[in-house]
Amino acid sequence: MAIQTWITEHKLASTGTLWASAVGASMVYSGRKALSKPSLRLIHARMHAQALTLAVLSGAAAYHYYEKQIADAAHSNATAK
């Protein structure tokens, strides 16, 4: 639960960390896999990191929407009683 709380409080830092980690992992993976120029590997790494970041942000938005729906439902149930 502590990790979830930290991520909730530091959304920008956690997204940036995820993006940087994805770039690094993709650079390492592509460096072992193919013999291409470093600039091309960097472009591919950025594309992979951006795709991962968009997927995570979409998931975070869906989670936030779900969490808000539950809170609104609980609030309406509490006021109805």
PDB file of N, CA and C in Angstrom:
ATOM      1  N   MET A   1       0.817  -1.190   0.000  1.00  0.00           N
ATOM      2  CA  MET A   1       0.000   0.000   0.000  1.00  0.00           C
ATOM      3  C   MET A   1       0.865   1.260   0.000  1.00  0.00           C
ATOM      4  N   ALA A   2       2.056   1.189   0.566  1.00  0.00           N
ATOM      5  CA  ALA A   2       2.925   2.357   0.625  1.00  0.00           C
ATOM      6  C   ALA A   2       3.393   2.786  -0.765  1.00  0.00           C
ATOM      7  N   ILE A   3       3.662   1.825  -1.632  1.00  0.00           N
ATOM      8  CA  ILE A   3       4.095   2.157  -2.995  1.00  0.00           C
ATOM      9  C   ILE A   3       2.971   2.852  -3.741  1.00  0.00           C
ATOM     10  N   GLN A   4       1.762   2.359  -3.596  1.00  0.00           N
ATOM     11  CA  GLN A   4       0.606   2.963  -4.265  1.00  0.00           C
ATOM     12  C   GLN A   4       0.396   4.397  -3.778  1.00  0.00           C
ATOM     13  N   THR A   5       0.561   4.625  -2.498  1.00  0.00           N
ATOM     14  CA  THR A   5       0.416   5.972  -1.951  1.00  0.00           C
ATOM     15  C   THR A   5       1.490   6.898  -2.493  1.00  0.00           C
ATOM     16  N   TRP A   6       2.736   6.418  -2.557  1.00  0.00           N
ATOM     17  CA  TRP A   6       3.828   7.240  -3.079  1.00  0.00           C
ATOM     18  C   TRP A   6       3.576   7.586  -4.542  1.00  0.00           C
ATOM     19  N   ILE A   7       3.154   6.614  -5.336  1.00  0.00           N
ATOM     20  CA  ILE A   7       2.891   6.860  -6.753  1.00  0.00           C
ATOM     21  C   ILE A   7       1.746   7.855  -6.913  1.00  0.00           C
ATOM     22  N   THR A   8       0.729   7.735  -6.082  1.00  0.00           N
ATOM     23  CA  THR A   8      -0.395   8.668  -6.135  1.00  0.00           C
ATOM     24  C   THR A   8       0.051  10.088  -5.816  1.00  0.00           C
ATOM     25  N   GLU A   9       0.943  10.237  -4.859  1.00  0.00           N
ATOM     26  CA  GLU A   9       1.409  11.562  -4.471  1.00  0.00           C
ATOM     27  C   GLU A   9       2.463  12.128  -5.421  1.00  0.00           C
ATOM     28  N   HIS A  10       3.202  11.274  -6.121  1.00  0.00           N
ATOM     29  CA  HIS A  10       4.289  11.713  -7.005  1.00  0.00           C
ATOM     30  C   HIS A  10       4.064  11.189  -8.424  1.00  0.00           C
ATOM     31  N   LYS A  11       2.964  11.599  -9.024  1.00  0.00           N
ATOM     32  CA  LYS A  11       2.590  11.086 -10.343  1.00  0.00           C
ATOM     33  C   LYS A  11       3.616  11.432 -11.411  1.00  0.00           C
ATOM     34  N   LEU A  12       4.064  12.665 -11.439  1.00  0.00           N
ATOM     35  CA  LEU A  12       5.004  13.099 -12.474  1.00  0.00           C
ATOM     36  C   LEU A  12       6.348  12.409 -12.319  1.00  0.00           C
ATOM     37  N   ALA A  13       6.835  12.293 -11.125  1.00  0.00           N
ATOM     38  CA  ALA A  13       8.123  11.633 -10.890  1.00  0.00           C
ATOM     39  C   ALA A  13       8.052  10.153 -11.242  1.00  0.00           C
ATOM     40  N   SER A  14       6.950   9.497 -10.899  1.00  0.00           N
ATOM     41  CA  SER A  14       6.837   8.075 -11.217  1.00  0.00           C
ATOM     42  C   SER A  14       6.701   7.850 -12.716  1.00  0.00           C
ATOM     43  N   THR A  15       6.004   8.736 -13.424  1.00  0.00           N
ATOM     44  CA  THR A  15       5.895   8.621 -14.879  1.00  0.00           C
ATOM     45  C   THR A  15       7.247   8.861 -15.535  1.00  0.00           C
ATOM     46  N   GLY A  16       7.985   9.846 -15.080  1.00  0.00           N
ATOM     47  CA  GLY A  16       9.319  10.113 -15.618  1.00  0.00           C
ATOM     48  C   GLY A  16      10.286   8.974 -15.355  1.00  0.00           C
ATOM     49  N   THR A  17      10.200   8.396 -14.179  1.00  0.00           N
ATOM     50  CA  THR A  17      11.048   7.256 -13.844  1.00  0.00           C
ATOM     51  C   THR A  17      10.720   6.057 -14.727  1.00  0.00           C
ATOM     52  N   LEU A  18       9.447   5.826 -14.933  1.00  0.00           N
ATOM     53  CA  LEU A  18       9.032   4.737 -15.817  1.00  0.00           C
ATOM     54  C   LEU A  18       9.551   4.955 -17.233  1.00  0.00           C
ATOM     55  N   TRP A  19       9.425   6.185 -17.734  1.00  0.00           N
ATOM     56  CA  TRP A  19       9.878   6.498 -19.085  1.00  0.00           C
ATOM     57  C   TRP A  19      11.390   6.290 -19.210  1.00  0.00           C
ATOM     58  N   ALA A  20      12.149   6.803 -18.257  1.00  0.00           N
ATOM     59  CA  ALA A  20      13.607   6.656 -18.299  1.00  0.00           C
ATOM     60  C   ALA A  20      14.024   5.190 -18.195  1.00  0.00           C
ATOM     61  N   SER A  21      13.343   4.437 -17.359  1.00  0.00           N
ATOM     62  CA  SER A  21      13.639   3.005 -17.236  1.00  0.00           C
ATOM     63  C   SER A  21      13.336   2.268 -18.531  1.00  0.00           C
ATOM     64  N   ALA A  22      12.245   2.632 -19.170  1.00  0.00           N
ATOM     65  CA  ALA A  22      11.886   1.991 -20.437  1.00  0.00           C
ATOM     66  C   ALA A  22      12.889   2.324 -21.533  1.00  0.00           C
ATOM     67  N   VAL A  23      13.370   3.556 -21.578  1.00  0.00           N
ATOM     68  CA  VAL A  23      14.392   3.932 -22.562  1.00  0.00           C
ATOM     69  C   VAL A  23      15.661   3.128 -22.315  1.00  0.00           C
ATOM     70  N   GLY A  24      16.089   3.057 -21.078  1.00  0.00           N
ATOM     71  CA  GLY A  24      17.298   2.298 -20.749  1.00  0.00           C
ATOM     72  C   GLY A  24      17.169   0.824 -21.069  1.00  0.00           C
ATOM     73  N   ALA A  25      16.044   0.241 -20.705  1.00  0.00           N
ATOM     74  CA  ALA A  25      15.837  -1.188 -20.980  1.00  0.00           C
ATOM     75  C   ALA A  25      15.793  -1.460 -22.481  1.00  0.00           C
ATOM     76  N   SER A  26      15.145  -0.591 -23.214  1.00  0.00           N
ATOM     77  CA  SER A  26      15.067  -0.770 -24.663  1.00  0.00           C
ATOM     78  C   SER A  26      16.433  -0.596 -25.321  1.00  0.00           C
ATOM     79  N   MET A  27      17.227   0.341 -24.820  1.00  0.00           N
ATOM     80  CA  MET A  27      18.587   0.532 -25.361  1.00  0.00           C
ATOM     81  C   MET A  27      19.436  -0.707 -25.113  1.00  0.00           C
ATOM     82  N   VAL A  28      19.354  -1.262 -23.937  1.00  0.00           N
ATOM     83  CA  VAL A  28      20.122  -2.468 -23.614  1.00  0.00           C
ATOM     84  C   VAL A  28      19.660  -3.631 -24.481  1.00  0.00           C
ATOM     85  N   TYR A  29      18.353  -3.791 -24.601  1.00  0.00           N
ATOM     86  CA  TYR A  29      17.803  -4.895 -25.393  1.00  0.00           C
ATOM     87  C   TYR A  29      18.197  -4.762 -26.866  1.00  0.00           C
ATOM     88  N   SER A  30      18.042  -3.570 -27.418  1.00  0.00           N
ATOM     89  CA  SER A  30      18.370  -3.397 -28.833  1.00  0.00           C
ATOM     90  C   SER A  30      19.876  -3.432 -29.065  1.00  0.00           C
ATOM     91  N   GLY A  31      20.648  -3.088 -28.069  1.00  0.00           N
ATOM     92  CA  GLY A  31      22.103  -3.153 -28.199  1.00  0.00           C
ATOM     93  C   GLY A  31      22.606  -4.585 -28.286  1.00  0.00           C
ATOM     94  N   ARG A  32      21.941  -5.486 -27.621  1.00  0.00           N
ATOM     95  CA  ARG A  32      22.324  -6.894 -27.662  1.00  0.00           C
ATOM     96  C   ARG A  32      21.779  -7.594 -28.897  1.00  0.00           C
ATOM     97  N   LYS A  33      20.653  -7.122 -29.396  1.00  0.00           N
ATOM     98  CA  LYS A  33      19.931  -7.816 -30.449  1.00  0.00           C
ATOM     99  C   LYS A  33      20.458  -7.494 -31.852  1.00  0.00           C
ATOM    100  N   ALA A  34      20.697  -6.244 -32.154  1.00  0.00           N
ATOM    101  CA  ALA A  34      21.030  -5.853 -33.524  1.00  0.00           C
ATOM    102  C   ALA A  34      22.277  -4.970 -33.557  1.00  0.00           C
ATOM    103  N   LEU A  35      22.928  -5.002 -34.665  1.00  0.00           N
ATOM    104  CA  LEU A  35      24.091  -4.146 -34.871  1.00  0.00           C
ATOM    105  C   LEU A  35      23.665  -2.932 -35.689  1.00  0.00           C
ATOM    106  N   SER A  36      23.048  -1.983 -35.027  1.00  0.00           N
ATOM    107  CA  SER A  36      22.596  -0.775 -35.701  1.00  0.00           C
ATOM    108  C   SER A  36      23.257   0.439 -35.056  1.00  0.00           C
ATOM    109  N   LYS A  37      23.073   1.574 -35.699  1.00  0.00           N
ATOM    110  CA  LYS A  37      23.674   2.811 -35.184  1.00  0.00           C
ATOM    111  C   LYS A  37      23.053   3.182 -33.841  1.00  0.00           C
ATOM    112  N   PRO A  38      23.832   3.819 -32.991  1.00  0.00           N
ATOM    113  CA  PRO A  38      23.279   4.238 -31.692  1.00  0.00           C
ATOM    114  C   PRO A  38      22.110   5.213 -31.839  1.00  0.00           C
ATOM    115  N   SER A  39      22.150   6.068 -32.861  1.00  0.00           N
ATOM    116  CA  SER A  39      21.045   7.017 -33.037  1.00  0.00           C
ATOM    117  C   SER A  39      19.741   6.289 -33.370  1.00  0.00           C
ATOM    118  N   LEU A  40      19.823   5.245 -34.180  1.00  0.00           N
ATOM    119  CA  LEU A  40      18.642   4.470 -34.518  1.00  0.00           C
ATOM    120  C   LEU A  40      18.129   3.705 -33.296  1.00  0.00           C
ATOM    121  N   ARG A  41      19.040   3.174 -32.504  1.00  0.00           N
ATOM    122  CA  ARG A  41      18.634   2.486 -31.279  1.00  0.00           C
ATOM    123  C   ARG A  41      17.951   3.448 -30.321  1.00  0.00           C
ATOM    124  N   LEU A  42      18.451   4.689 -30.237  1.00  0.00           N
ATOM    125  CA  LEU A  42      17.844   5.683 -29.356  1.00  0.00           C
ATOM    126  C   LEU A  42      16.440   6.049 -29.830  1.00  0.00           C
ATOM    127  N   ILE A  43      16.260   6.182 -31.130  1.00  0.00           N
ATOM    128  CA  ILE A  43      14.927   6.489 -31.666  1.00  0.00           C
ATOM    129  C   ILE A  43      13.951   5.368 -31.334  1.00  0.00           C
ATOM    130  N   HIS A  44      14.373   4.130 -31.538  1.00  0.00           N
ATOM    131  CA  HIS A  44      13.506   2.999 -31.220  1.00  0.00           C
ATOM    132  C   HIS A  44      13.227   2.913 -29.722  1.00  0.00           C
ATOM    133  N   ALA A  45      14.232   3.186 -28.909  1.00  0.00           N
ATOM    134  CA  ALA A  45      14.052   3.156 -27.461  1.00  0.00           C
ATOM    135  C   ALA A  45      13.036   4.209 -27.024  1.00  0.00           C
ATOM    136  N   ARG A  46      13.107   5.401 -27.610  1.00  0.00           N
ATOM    137  CA  ARG A  46      12.140   6.448 -27.274  1.00  0.00           C
ATOM    138  C   ARG A  46      10.732   6.057 -27.685  1.00  0.00           C
ATOM    139  N   MET A  47      10.600   5.419 -28.846  1.00  0.00           N
ATOM    140  CA  MET A  47       9.274   4.977 -29.299  1.00  0.00           C
ATOM    141  C   MET A  47       8.702   3.934 -28.346  1.00  0.00           C
ATOM    142  N   HIS A  48       9.532   2.971 -27.934  1.00  0.00           N
ATOM    143  CA  HIS A  48       9.070   1.950 -26.999  1.00  0.00           C
ATOM    144  C   HIS A  48       8.678   2.575 -25.662  1.00  0.00           C
ATOM    145  N   ALA A  49       9.496   3.497 -25.183  1.00  0.00           N
ATOM    146  CA  ALA A  49       9.214   4.139 -23.895  1.00  0.00           C
ATOM    147  C   ALA A  49       7.944   4.976 -23.960  1.00  0.00           C
ATOM    148  N   GLN A  50       7.741   5.665 -25.064  1.00  0.00           N
ATOM    149  CA  GLN A  50       6.529   6.475 -25.196  1.00  0.00           C
ATOM    150  C   GLN A  50       5.283   5.596 -25.253  1.00  0.00           C
ATOM    151  N   ALA A  51       5.378   4.475 -25.956  1.00  0.00           N
ATOM    152  CA  ALA A  51       4.237   3.559 -26.015  1.00  0.00           C
ATOM    153  C   ALA A  51       3.922   3.003 -24.625  1.00  0.00           C
ATOM    154  N   LEU A  52       4.949   2.621 -23.890  1.00  0.00           N
ATOM    155  CA  LEU A  52       4.743   2.106 -22.537  1.00  0.00           C
ATOM    156  C   LEU A  52       4.161   3.187 -21.629  1.00  0.00           C
ATOM    157  N   THR A  53       4.670   4.405 -21.748  1.00  0.00           N
ATOM    158  CA  THR A  53       4.174   5.505 -20.925  1.00  0.00           C
ATOM    159  C   THR A  53       2.714   5.799 -21.229  1.00  0.00           C
ATOM    160  N   LEU A  54       2.348   5.802 -22.501  1.00  0.00           N
ATOM    161  CA  LEU A  54       0.945   6.024 -22.852  1.00  0.00           C
ATOM    162  C   LEU A  54       0.051   4.922 -22.302  1.00  0.00           C
ATOM    163  N   ALA A  55       0.522   3.691 -22.355  1.00  0.00           N
ATOM    164  CA  ALA A  55      -0.259   2.582 -21.810  1.00  0.00           C
ATOM    165  C   ALA A  55      -0.439   2.740 -20.299  1.00  0.00           C
ATOM    166  N   VAL A  56       0.623   3.111 -19.607  1.00  0.00           N
ATOM    167  CA  VAL A  56       0.540   3.292 -18.153  1.00  0.00           C
ATOM    168  C   VAL A  56      -0.351   4.481 -17.800  1.00  0.00           C
ATOM    169  N   LEU A  57      -0.231   5.571 -18.545  1.00  0.00           N
ATOM    170  CA  LEU A  57      -1.086   6.727 -18.276  1.00  0.00           C
ATOM    171  C   LEU A  57      -2.554   6.406 -18.545  1.00  0.00           C
ATOM    172  N   SER A  58      -2.826   5.626 -19.572  1.00  0.00           N
ATOM    173  CA  SER A  58      -4.202   5.211 -19.846  1.00  0.00           C
ATOM    174  C   SER A  58      -4.735   4.349 -18.709  1.00  0.00           C
ATOM    175  N   GLY A  59      -3.909   3.445 -18.226  1.00  0.00           N
ATOM    176  CA  GLY A  59      -4.306   2.623 -17.086  1.00  0.00           C
ATOM    177  C   GLY A  59      -4.534   3.457 -15.837  1.00  0.00           C
ATOM    178  N   ALA A  60      -3.679   4.445 -15.619  1.00  0.00           N
ATOM    179  CA  ALA A  60      -3.832   5.319 -14.454  1.00  0.00           C
ATOM    180  C   ALA A  60      -5.112   6.141 -14.562  1.00  0.00           C
ATOM    181  N   ALA A  61      -5.434   6.604 -15.766  1.00  0.00           N
ATOM    182  CA  ALA A  61      -6.674   7.363 -15.959  1.00  0.00           C
ATOM    183  C   ALA A  61      -7.894   6.480 -15.702  1.00  0.00           C
ATOM    184  N   ALA A  62      -7.847   5.252 -16.186  1.00  0.00           N
ATOM    185  CA  ALA A  62      -8.954   4.326 -15.953  1.00  0.00           C
ATOM    186  C   ALA A  62      -9.095   4.027 -14.460  1.00  0.00           C
ATOM    187  N   TYR A  63      -7.975   3.837 -13.779  1.00  0.00           N
ATOM    188  CA  TYR A  63      -8.002   3.572 -12.341  1.00  0.00           C
ATOM    189  C   TYR A  63      -8.568   4.773 -11.586  1.00  0.00           C
ATOM    190  N   HIS A  64      -8.151   5.963 -11.971  1.00  0.00           N
ATOM    191  CA  HIS A  64      -8.641   7.184 -11.321  1.00  0.00           C
ATOM    192  C   HIS A  64     -10.150   7.322 -11.526  1.00  0.00           C
ATOM    193  N   TYR A  65     -10.618   7.058 -12.732  1.00  0.00           N
ATOM    194  CA  TYR A  65     -12.052   7.121 -13.020  1.00  0.00           C
ATOM    195  C   TYR A  65     -12.814   6.100 -12.182  1.00  0.00           C
ATOM    196  N   TYR A  66     -12.300   4.869 -12.114  1.00  0.00           N
ATOM    197  CA  TYR A  66     -12.929   3.812 -11.327  1.00  0.00           C
ATOM    198  C   TYR A  66     -12.962   4.190  -9.848  1.00  0.00           C
ATOM    199  N   GLU A  67     -11.848   4.712  -9.340  1.00  0.00           N
ATOM    200  CA  GLU A  67     -11.768   5.110  -7.938  1.00  0.00           C
ATOM    201  C   GLU A  67     -12.758   6.230  -7.632  1.00  0.00           C
ATOM    202  N   LYS A  68     -12.883   7.187  -8.553  1.00  0.00           N
ATOM    203  CA  LYS A  68     -13.816   8.296  -8.363  1.00  0.00           C
ATOM    204  C   LYS A  68     -15.261   7.811  -8.396  1.00  0.00           C
ATOM    205  N   GLN A  69     -15.569   6.867  -9.260  1.00  0.00           N
ATOM    206  CA  GLN A  69     -16.924   6.320  -9.317  1.00  0.00           C
ATOM    207  C   GLN A  69     -17.294   5.638  -8.007  1.00  0.00           C
ATOM    208  N   ILE A  70     -16.365   4.891  -7.448  1.00  0.00           N
ATOM    209  CA  ILE A  70     -16.616   4.210  -6.175  1.00  0.00           C
ATOM    210  C   ILE A  70     -16.803   5.233  -5.057  1.00  0.00           C
ATOM    211  N   ALA A  71     -15.970   6.279  -5.040  1.00  0.00           N
ATOM    212  CA  ALA A  71     -16.098   7.308  -4.005  1.00  0.00           C
ATOM    213  C   ALA A  71     -17.422   8.056  -4.138  1.00  0.00           C
ATOM    214  N   ASP A  72     -17.831   8.364  -5.369  1.00  0.00           N
ATOM    215  CA  ASP A  72     -19.108   9.051  -5.575  1.00  0.00           C
ATOM    216  C   ASP A  72     -20.284   8.169  -5.162  1.00  0.00           C
ATOM    217  N   ALA A  73     -20.201   6.875  -5.466  1.00  0.00           N
ATOM    218  CA  ALA A  73     -21.259   5.954  -5.085  1.00  0.00           C
ATOM    219  C   ALA A  73     -21.354   5.837  -3.555  1.00  0.00           C
ATOM    220  N   ALA A  74     -20.207   5.758  -2.909  1.00  0.00           N
ATOM    221  CA  ALA A  74     -20.202   5.672  -1.438  1.00  0.00           C
ATOM    222  C   ALA A  74     -20.756   6.948  -0.827  1.00  0.00           C
ATOM    223  N   HIS A  75     -20.419   8.088  -1.422  1.00  0.00           N
ATOM    224  CA  HIS A  75     -20.901   9.366  -0.916  1.00  0.00           C
ATOM    225  C   HIS A  75     -22.419   9.479  -1.089  1.00  0.00           C
ATOM    226  N   SER A  76     -22.933   9.057  -2.244  1.00  0.00           N
ATOM    227  CA  SER A  76     -24.372   9.140  -2.471  1.00  0.00           C
ATOM    228  C   SER A  76     -25.136   8.159  -1.578  1.00  0.00           C
ATOM    229  N   ASN A  77     -24.539   7.006  -1.296  1.00  0.00           N
ATOM    230  CA  ASN A  77     -25.172   6.047  -0.375  1.00  0.00           C
ATOM    231  C   ASN A  77     -25.186   6.587   1.049  1.00  0.00           C
ATOM    232  N   ALA A  78     -24.128   7.277   1.441  1.00  0.00           N
ATOM    233  CA  ALA A  78     -24.044   7.821   2.810  1.00  0.00           C
ATOM    234  C   ALA A  78     -25.032   8.978   2.989  1.00  0.00           C
ATOM    235  N   THR A  79     -25.210   9.783   1.960  1.00  0.00           N
ATOM    236  CA  THR A  79     -26.141  10.915   2.095  1.00  0.00           C
ATOM    237  C   THR A  79     -27.583  10.466   1.960  1.00  0.00           C
ATOM    238  N   ALA A  80     -27.831   9.336   1.319  1.00  0.00           N
ATOM    239  CA  ALA A  80     -29.199   8.851   1.141  1.00  0.00           C
ATOM    240  C   ALA A  80     -29.750   8.229   2.429  1.00  0.00           C
ATOM    241  N   LYS A  81     -28.882   7.808   3.303  1.00  0.00           N
ATOM    242  CA  LYS A  81     -29.329   7.134   4.530  1.00  0.00           C
ATOM    243  C   LYS A  81     -29.734   8.088   5.586  1.00  0.00           C
TER     244      LYS A  81
END
